[in-house]
Amino acid sequence: MRTRSMFAAMFDDYGPASVLRFEESARPEPSPSQVLVQVVASGVSHMDGYVREGRFRDEIPLQLPARQGVSFAGIVRAVGRDVRSVKVGAEVLGHDPAHGAHATHIVVDADAVVRKPDRVPWEVAGALHLVGLTAYALVQELRLGPDDVVVVSAAAGGVGHIECQLARLAGARVIGIAGRENHDYLRSIGTRPVAYDGDLAEAIGVAAEGRSVTALLDNFGGYEDLGARLGVTKDRIRTSDRRREVEIDHWTAGADRAASIRLADVAELVSEWNLRVLVSGYYPFPNLVSAVEELEARHSRGVVVVGMNPSAPPKEYLRQRLRARYEASTAATA
């Protein structure tokens, strides 16, 4: 890589992950209100894929060729002359309103970044904006408290596993719907797991231990009838359509200082309140297509991240470690 150059993921037309390519260009200079960030890690989201595939052409029109990626964490390398809130060398996380965070360097408005707490690992910080703010907004809408029993579908997913923990922090009892291979993980974050198969309403009733279910967060889709069977009122059901609205709002957001303050709140929860964001795959940037394909296969729990210069063995070190631990624990109890 030449001095003052950068690489970014691009696509020339709508399509699957295979349409992504890397382009080298001159490193951008920040405008008076912007900062130049050297990206350390960037989250891979379903929204990135949906937009690239053309599912939201009406809501999110693209000018092709286009870049990809919205959530990132990195180091500020230059600041515009009017910027006072951020200094060169600061470690930050945030979002790229231009949707080009899958790159080695980006320029964003200073209001689009917040300080990265020292205790938050780079790979977690890089994914936090979209999944963290989506989960945070949906849980806040329900105003959960100690009297609540909330059911979360797709509970081990990127948004779902954060919702489970935020609901627990609010004092609610949390019941998570997930595949059986994720049940031990859900127990580890204080969530009572139930499987997709069988009579879900009955299984949830057992997990609730006689308490009434009062709220439902549906990340999977199609569980509104289940909510009705459980006696949950419509105003306390957040459907997958509502989740998509929230995600689109955060994905398309500009440099909104209020949103950045909420992101700082979520980062503080990770740093100080033991909100554990699970990274199931941490890929080197050149393996971005593999990272996207893993996420889109919907086999991973937690989040998938690309690192621009990861120091660990390439491709999937975290996923391999976690799966090895799971297999060892399963073998020990067989």
Protein backbone atom coordinates (compact mmCIF):
# COMPACT_ATOMS: atom_id res chain seq x y z
CA MET A 1 0.00 0.00 0.00
CA ARG A 2 1.47 3.38 -1.03
CA THR A 3 1.69 6.26 1.41
CA ARG A 4 -1.46 8.41 1.42
CA SER A 5 -3.53 5.74 -0.32
CA MET A 6 -6.48 3.76 0.95
CA PHE A 7 -8.62 0.77 0.02
CA ALA A 8 -12.41 0.56 0.06
CA ALA A 9 -14.98 -2.15 -0.73
CA MET A 10 -17.08 -1.24 -3.76
CA PHE A 11 -19.81 -2.72 -5.95
CA ASP A 12 -20.76 -1.64 -9.45
CA ASP A 13 -24.27 -3.10 -9.51
CA TYR A 14 -26.78 -4.69 -7.16
CA GLY A 15 -26.10 -8.32 -6.31
CA PRO A 16 -24.76 -10.91 -3.83
CA ALA A 17 -21.55 -10.68 -1.84
CA SER A 18 -19.55 -11.80 -4.87
CA VAL A 19 -20.10 -8.39 -6.57
CA LEU A 20 -17.88 -6.72 -3.97
CA ARG A 21 -14.43 -5.60 -5.08
CA PHE A 22 -11.62 -3.53 -3.59
CA GLU A 23 -10.55 -0.21 -5.00
CA GLU A 24 -7.40 1.77 -4.20
CA SER A 25 -7.66 5.53 -4.20
CA ALA A 26 -6.08 8.62 -2.70
CA ARG A 27 -6.69 9.07 0.99
CA PRO A 28 -9.35 11.78 1.52
CA GLU A 29 -8.76 15.06 3.30
CA PRO A 30 -11.28 16.18 5.94
CA SER A 31 -13.40 19.27 5.32
CA PRO A 32 -13.49 21.95 8.07
CA SER A 33 -16.14 20.02 10.08
CA GLN A 34 -14.83 16.49 9.40
CA VAL A 35 -12.28 14.04 10.78
CA LEU A 36 -10.18 11.49 8.92
CA VAL A 37 -10.36 8.10 10.64
CA GLN A 38 -8.07 5.15 10.07
CA VAL A 39 -10.55 2.30 10.43
CA VAL A 40 -9.47 -0.51 12.75
CA ALA A 41 -12.67 -2.62 12.66
CA SER A 42 -16.04 -2.40 10.95
CA GLY A 43 -19.24 -4.36 11.55
CA VAL A 44 -20.90 -6.40 8.82
CA SER A 45 -24.67 -5.98 8.93
CA HIS A 46 -27.69 -7.51 7.26
CA MET A 47 -28.74 -4.01 6.24
CA ASP A 48 -25.53 -3.62 4.23
CA GLY A 49 -26.45 -6.79 2.36
CA TYR A 50 -30.11 -5.91 1.84
CA VAL A 51 -29.18 -2.53 0.35
CA ARG A 52 -26.45 -4.05 -1.85
CA GLU A 53 -28.90 -6.70 -3.09
CA GLY A 54 -31.42 -4.02 -4.03
CA ARG A 55 -34.15 -4.90 -1.55
CA PHE A 56 -34.56 -1.26 -0.50
CA ARG A 57 -34.20 0.53 -3.83
CA ASP A 58 -37.21 2.77 -3.09
CA GLU A 59 -36.30 3.63 0.52
CA ILE A 60 -32.52 3.80 -0.05
CA PRO A 61 -31.65 4.64 -3.66
CA LEU A 62 -27.96 4.25 -4.53
CA GLN A 63 -25.71 6.04 -6.94
CA LEU A 64 -23.61 3.26 -8.44
CA PRO A 65 -20.82 2.34 -8.09
CA ALA A 66 -21.34 2.43 -4.33
CA ARG A 67 -19.45 1.62 -1.16
CA GLN A 68 -20.57 -0.47 1.79
CA GLY A 69 -20.48 -0.42 5.59
CA VAL A 70 -21.90 1.90 8.22
CA SER A 71 -20.50 0.93 11.67
CA PHE A 72 -16.81 1.42 12.49
CA ALA A 73 -14.16 2.07 15.11
CA GLY A 74 -10.78 3.60 14.46
CA ILE A 75 -8.11 6.23 15.17
CA VAL A 76 -8.44 9.87 14.19
CA ARG A 77 -5.54 10.81 11.89
CA ALA A 78 -6.53 14.35 10.86
CA VAL A 79 -9.17 16.90 11.83
CA GLY A 80 -10.74 19.83 9.97
CA ARG A 81 -9.89 23.36 11.03
CA ASP A 82 -13.26 23.90 12.77
CA VAL A 83 -13.23 20.66 14.79
CA ARG A 84 -12.74 21.12 18.54
CA SER A 85 -14.46 18.02 19.95
CA VAL A 86 -11.98 15.44 18.65
CA LYS A 87 -8.18 15.42 18.56
CA VAL A 88 -5.69 13.64 16.33
CA GLY A 89 -4.86 10.25 17.84
CA ALA A 90 -8.25 9.82 19.54
CA GLU A 91 -9.76 6.34 19.51
CA VAL A 92 -13.37 6.61 18.36
CA LEU A 93 -16.39 4.64 17.22
CA GLY A 94 -19.34 5.75 15.19
CA HIS A 95 -21.11 5.52 11.87
CA ASP A 96 -20.43 6.62 8.33
CA PRO A 97 -23.42 8.47 6.83
CA ALA A 98 -21.89 7.91 3.37
CA HIS A 99 -21.94 4.12 3.96
CA GLY A 100 -18.29 3.51 3.18
CA ALA A 101 -17.01 2.12 6.47
CA HIS A 102 -15.66 -1.05 4.88
CA ALA A 103 -12.47 0.81 4.06
CA THR A 104 -9.05 1.46 5.51
CA HIS A 105 -9.78 5.21 5.91
CA ILE A 106 -12.93 7.33 5.92
CA VAL A 107 -13.87 10.96 6.47
CA VAL A 108 -16.96 11.70 8.56
CA ASP A 109 -18.44 14.68 10.33
CA ALA A 110 -17.03 15.07 13.85
CA ASP A 111 -20.55 14.65 15.26
CA ALA A 112 -20.67 11.11 13.83
CA VAL A 113 -18.04 9.78 16.25
CA VAL A 114 -17.71 9.33 20.01
CA ARG A 115 -14.79 8.32 22.19
CA LYS A 116 -14.10 4.59 22.38
CA PRO A 117 -13.88 3.49 26.03
CA ASP A 118 -10.60 1.75 26.80
CA ARG A 119 -12.40 -1.38 28.01
CA VAL A 120 -14.31 -1.89 24.76
CA PRO A 121 -12.34 -4.11 22.34
CA TRP A 122 -11.85 -2.82 18.81
CA GLU A 123 -13.90 -5.59 17.21
CA VAL A 124 -16.86 -4.88 19.51
CA ALA A 125 -16.61 -1.12 19.02
CA GLY A 126 -16.52 -1.59 15.25
CA ALA A 127 -19.89 -3.33 15.21
CA LEU A 128 -21.67 -1.38 17.90
CA HIS A 129 -23.47 1.42 16.06
CA LEU A 130 -26.14 -0.41 14.08
CA VAL A 131 -26.83 -3.45 16.27
CA GLY A 132 -26.38 -1.55 19.52
CA LEU A 133 -28.59 1.41 18.71
CA THR A 134 -31.29 -0.80 17.15
CA ALA A 135 -31.49 -3.00 20.25
CA TYR A 136 -31.30 0.04 22.54
CA ALA A 137 -34.16 1.83 20.78
CA LEU A 138 -36.49 -1.18 20.71
CA VAL A 139 -35.96 -2.07 24.37
CA GLN A 140 -36.46 1.56 25.38
CA GLU A 141 -39.75 1.69 23.46
CA LEU A 142 -41.12 -1.12 25.64
CA ARG A 143 -40.11 0.61 28.91
CA LEU A 144 -39.32 -2.71 30.55
CA GLY A 145 -39.03 -3.14 34.30
CA PRO A 146 -38.91 -5.79 37.03
CA ASP A 147 -42.60 -6.66 36.56
CA ASP A 148 -42.06 -7.66 32.92
CA VAL A 149 -41.52 -11.00 31.25
CA VAL A 150 -40.27 -10.41 27.70
CA VAL A 151 -39.87 -12.94 24.89
CA VAL A 152 -37.15 -12.31 22.30
CA SER A 153 -37.07 -14.23 19.00
CA ALA A 154 -33.77 -14.84 17.18
CA ALA A 155 -32.37 -14.20 20.63
CA ALA A 156 -28.79 -15.20 19.81
CA GLY A 157 -28.54 -12.92 16.77
CA GLY A 158 -26.68 -9.63 16.51
CA VAL A 159 -29.56 -7.45 17.71
CA GLY A 160 -31.32 -10.15 19.73
CA HIS A 161 -28.48 -11.00 22.12
CA ILE A 162 -28.06 -7.31 22.96
CA GLU A 163 -31.82 -6.90 23.50
CA CYS A 164 -31.76 -9.83 25.93
CA GLN A 165 -29.06 -8.21 28.02
CA LEU A 166 -30.60 -4.74 27.95
CA ALA A 167 -33.91 -6.22 29.07
CA ARG A 168 -32.10 -8.00 31.91
CA LEU A 169 -30.42 -4.75 32.93
CA ALA A 170 -33.90 -3.20 33.10
CA GLY A 171 -34.89 -5.94 35.57
CA ALA A 172 -37.14 -8.01 33.30
CA ARG A 173 -37.22 -11.78 33.06
CA VAL A 174 -36.07 -12.70 29.53
CA ILE A 175 -37.09 -15.76 27.52
CA GLY A 176 -35.18 -16.26 24.27
CA ILE A 177 -36.31 -18.27 21.23
CA ALA A 178 -33.30 -19.79 19.50
CA GLY A 179 -31.86 -22.97 18.04
CA ARG A 180 -30.79 -25.52 20.63
CA GLU A 181 -27.11 -25.01 19.77
CA ASN A 182 -27.44 -21.49 21.23
CA HIS A 183 -29.18 -22.40 24.47
CA ASP A 184 -26.06 -22.63 26.63
CA TYR A 185 -24.94 -19.26 25.35
CA LEU A 186 -28.32 -17.68 26.17
CA ARG A 187 -28.18 -19.09 29.69
CA SER A 188 -24.74 -17.47 30.09
CA ILE A 189 -26.30 -14.02 29.52
CA GLY A 190 -29.20 -14.60 31.90
CA THR A 191 -31.81 -15.60 29.31
CA ARG A 192 -34.10 -18.61 29.61
CA PRO A 193 -33.97 -20.42 26.25
CA VAL A 194 -36.77 -22.16 24.37
CA ALA A 195 -36.43 -23.98 21.03
CA TYR A 196 -38.24 -23.15 17.79
CA ASP A 197 -39.74 -26.62 17.53
CA GLY A 198 -42.75 -27.91 19.48
CA ASP A 199 -45.46 -25.86 21.14
CA LEU A 200 -43.77 -22.51 21.65
CA ALA A 201 -46.53 -21.02 23.78
CA GLU A 202 -46.40 -24.00 26.14
CA ALA A 203 -42.59 -23.91 26.36
CA ILE A 204 -42.64 -20.18 27.05
CA GLY A 205 -45.26 -20.70 29.75
CA VAL A 206 -42.98 -23.22 31.47
CA ALA A 207 -40.01 -20.83 31.25
CA ALA A 208 -42.15 -18.00 32.65
CA GLU A 209 -42.89 -20.12 35.75
CA GLY A 210 -46.43 -18.91 36.19
CA ARG A 211 -45.81 -15.27 35.38
CA SER A 212 -47.64 -13.55 32.54
CA VAL A 213 -45.67 -12.63 29.43
CA THR A 214 -45.93 -8.87 29.03
CA ALA A 215 -43.76 -8.02 26.00
CA LEU A 216 -42.39 -9.49 22.76
CA LEU A 217 -39.39 -8.48 20.64
CA ASP A 218 -39.69 -10.30 17.31
CA ASN A 219 -36.43 -10.25 15.37
CA PHE A 220 -37.28 -13.29 13.26
CA GLY A 221 -40.73 -12.35 11.95
CA GLY A 222 -44.14 -14.01 12.13
CA TYR A 223 -44.57 -14.14 15.90
CA GLU A 224 -47.43 -11.67 16.29
CA ASP A 225 -49.94 -14.53 16.62
CA LEU A 226 -47.73 -16.08 19.29
CA GLY A 227 -47.79 -12.77 21.16
CA ALA A 228 -51.59 -12.77 21.00
CA ARG A 229 -51.72 -16.37 22.31
CA LEU A 230 -49.50 -15.34 25.19
CA GLY A 231 -51.80 -12.41 26.01
CA VAL A 232 -49.34 -9.68 25.04
CA THR A 233 -51.09 -6.45 24.04
CA LYS A 234 -50.24 -5.00 20.61
CA ASP A 235 -48.61 -1.90 22.07
CA ARG A 236 -46.02 -4.14 23.75
CA ILE A 237 -45.09 -6.15 20.66
CA ARG A 238 -42.21 -4.95 18.52
CA THR A 239 -42.48 -6.75 15.19
CA SER A 240 -39.69 -7.53 12.75
CA ASP A 241 -41.15 -4.78 10.54
CA ARG A 242 -40.70 -2.29 13.35
CA ARG A 243 -37.13 -3.50 13.85
CA ARG A 244 -36.47 -2.96 10.15
CA GLU A 245 -37.81 0.62 10.41
CA VAL A 246 -35.46 1.33 13.30
CA GLU A 247 -32.50 -0.20 11.47
CA ILE A 248 -33.20 1.83 8.34
CA ASP A 249 -33.41 4.99 10.45
CA HIS A 250 -30.00 4.30 11.98
CA TRP A 251 -28.46 3.09 8.71
CA THR A 252 -29.53 6.24 6.86
CA ALA A 253 -28.84 8.67 9.72
CA GLY A 254 -26.66 11.69 9.14
CA ALA A 255 -24.21 13.09 11.66
CA ASP A 256 -26.79 13.37 14.44
CA ARG A 257 -25.29 14.39 17.76
CA ALA A 258 -28.27 13.00 19.68
CA ALA A 259 -27.73 9.56 18.09
CA SER A 260 -24.03 9.76 18.92
CA ILE A 261 -24.89 10.45 22.56
CA ARG A 262 -27.04 7.31 22.57
CA LEU A 263 -24.14 5.39 21.02
CA ALA A 264 -21.89 6.65 23.81
CA ASP A 265 -24.48 5.36 26.31
CA VAL A 266 -24.39 1.89 24.70
CA ALA A 267 -20.57 1.92 24.69
CA GLU A 268 -20.65 2.77 28.40
CA LEU A 269 -22.98 -0.17 29.04
CA VAL A 270 -20.40 -2.43 27.37
CA SER A 271 -17.53 -0.85 29.28
CA GLU A 272 -19.07 -0.51 32.75
CA TRP A 273 -22.21 -2.64 32.95
CA ASN A 274 -21.07 -5.97 31.51
CA LEU A 275 -23.10 -5.75 28.30
CA ARG A 276 -21.32 -8.50 26.38
CA VAL A 277 -21.34 -8.16 22.60
CA LEU A 278 -20.48 -11.53 21.11
CA VAL A 279 -18.22 -11.47 18.04
CA SER A 280 -18.70 -14.80 16.29
CA GLY A 281 -16.44 -14.02 13.34
CA TYR A 282 -13.54 -11.56 13.02
CA TYR A 283 -12.19 -11.51 9.49
CA PRO A 284 -9.27 -9.67 7.90
CA PHE A 285 -10.47 -7.01 5.48
CA PRO A 286 -9.33 -8.93 2.37
CA ASN A 287 -11.74 -11.70 3.43
CA LEU A 288 -14.74 -9.36 3.51
CA VAL A 289 -16.72 -11.51 1.06
CA SER A 290 -16.34 -14.53 3.37
CA ALA A 291 -17.48 -12.43 6.33
CA VAL A 292 -20.56 -11.25 4.44
CA GLU A 293 -21.38 -14.79 3.29
CA GLU A 294 -21.12 -16.11 6.88
CA LEU A 295 -23.55 -13.47 8.12
CA GLU A 296 -25.97 -13.97 5.26
CA ALA A 297 -25.99 -17.75 5.81
CA ARG A 298 -27.56 -16.94 9.23
CA HIS A 299 -25.54 -19.58 11.05
CA SER A 300 -23.56 -17.20 13.28
CA ARG A 301 -24.56 -15.94 16.69
CA GLY A 302 -23.76 -12.40 17.74
CA VAL A 303 -22.01 -10.12 15.25
CA VAL A 304 -19.54 -10.48 12.38
CA VAL A 305 -16.71 -7.95 12.01
CA VAL A 306 -13.86 -7.19 9.61
CA GLY A 307 -10.54 -5.92 10.93
CA MET A 308 -8.31 -3.84 8.68
CA ASN A 309 -5.07 -5.10 10.24
CA PRO A 310 -5.98 -7.87 12.71
CA SER A 311 -3.08 -9.24 14.71
CA ALA A 312 -4.72 -12.64 15.23
CA PRO A 313 -4.59 -15.56 12.78
CA PRO A 314 -6.76 -14.73 9.78
CA LYS A 315 -10.36 -15.41 9.03
CA GLU A 316 -12.21 -16.82 12.03
CA TYR A 317 -10.18 -17.05 15.22
CA LEU A 318 -12.96 -16.02 17.60
CA ARG A 319 -15.54 -18.27 16.00
CA GLN A 320 -13.20 -21.25 16.13
CA ARG A 321 -12.35 -20.62 19.78
CA LEU A 322 -15.99 -20.28 20.81
CA ARG A 323 -17.11 -23.32 18.87
CA ALA A 324 -14.24 -25.39 20.27
CA ARG A 325 -15.32 -24.46 23.80
CA TYR A 326 -18.93 -25.34 23.02
CA GLU A 327 -17.96 -28.71 21.53
CA ALA A 328 -15.73 -29.49 24.49
CA SER A 329 -18.50 -28.70 26.97
CA THR A 330 -20.98 -30.77 24.97
CA ALA A 331 -18.60 -33.75 24.87
CA ALA A 332 -18.02 -33.48 28.62
CA THR A 333 -21.74 -33.72 29.39
CA ALA A 334 -22.58 -36.39 26.78
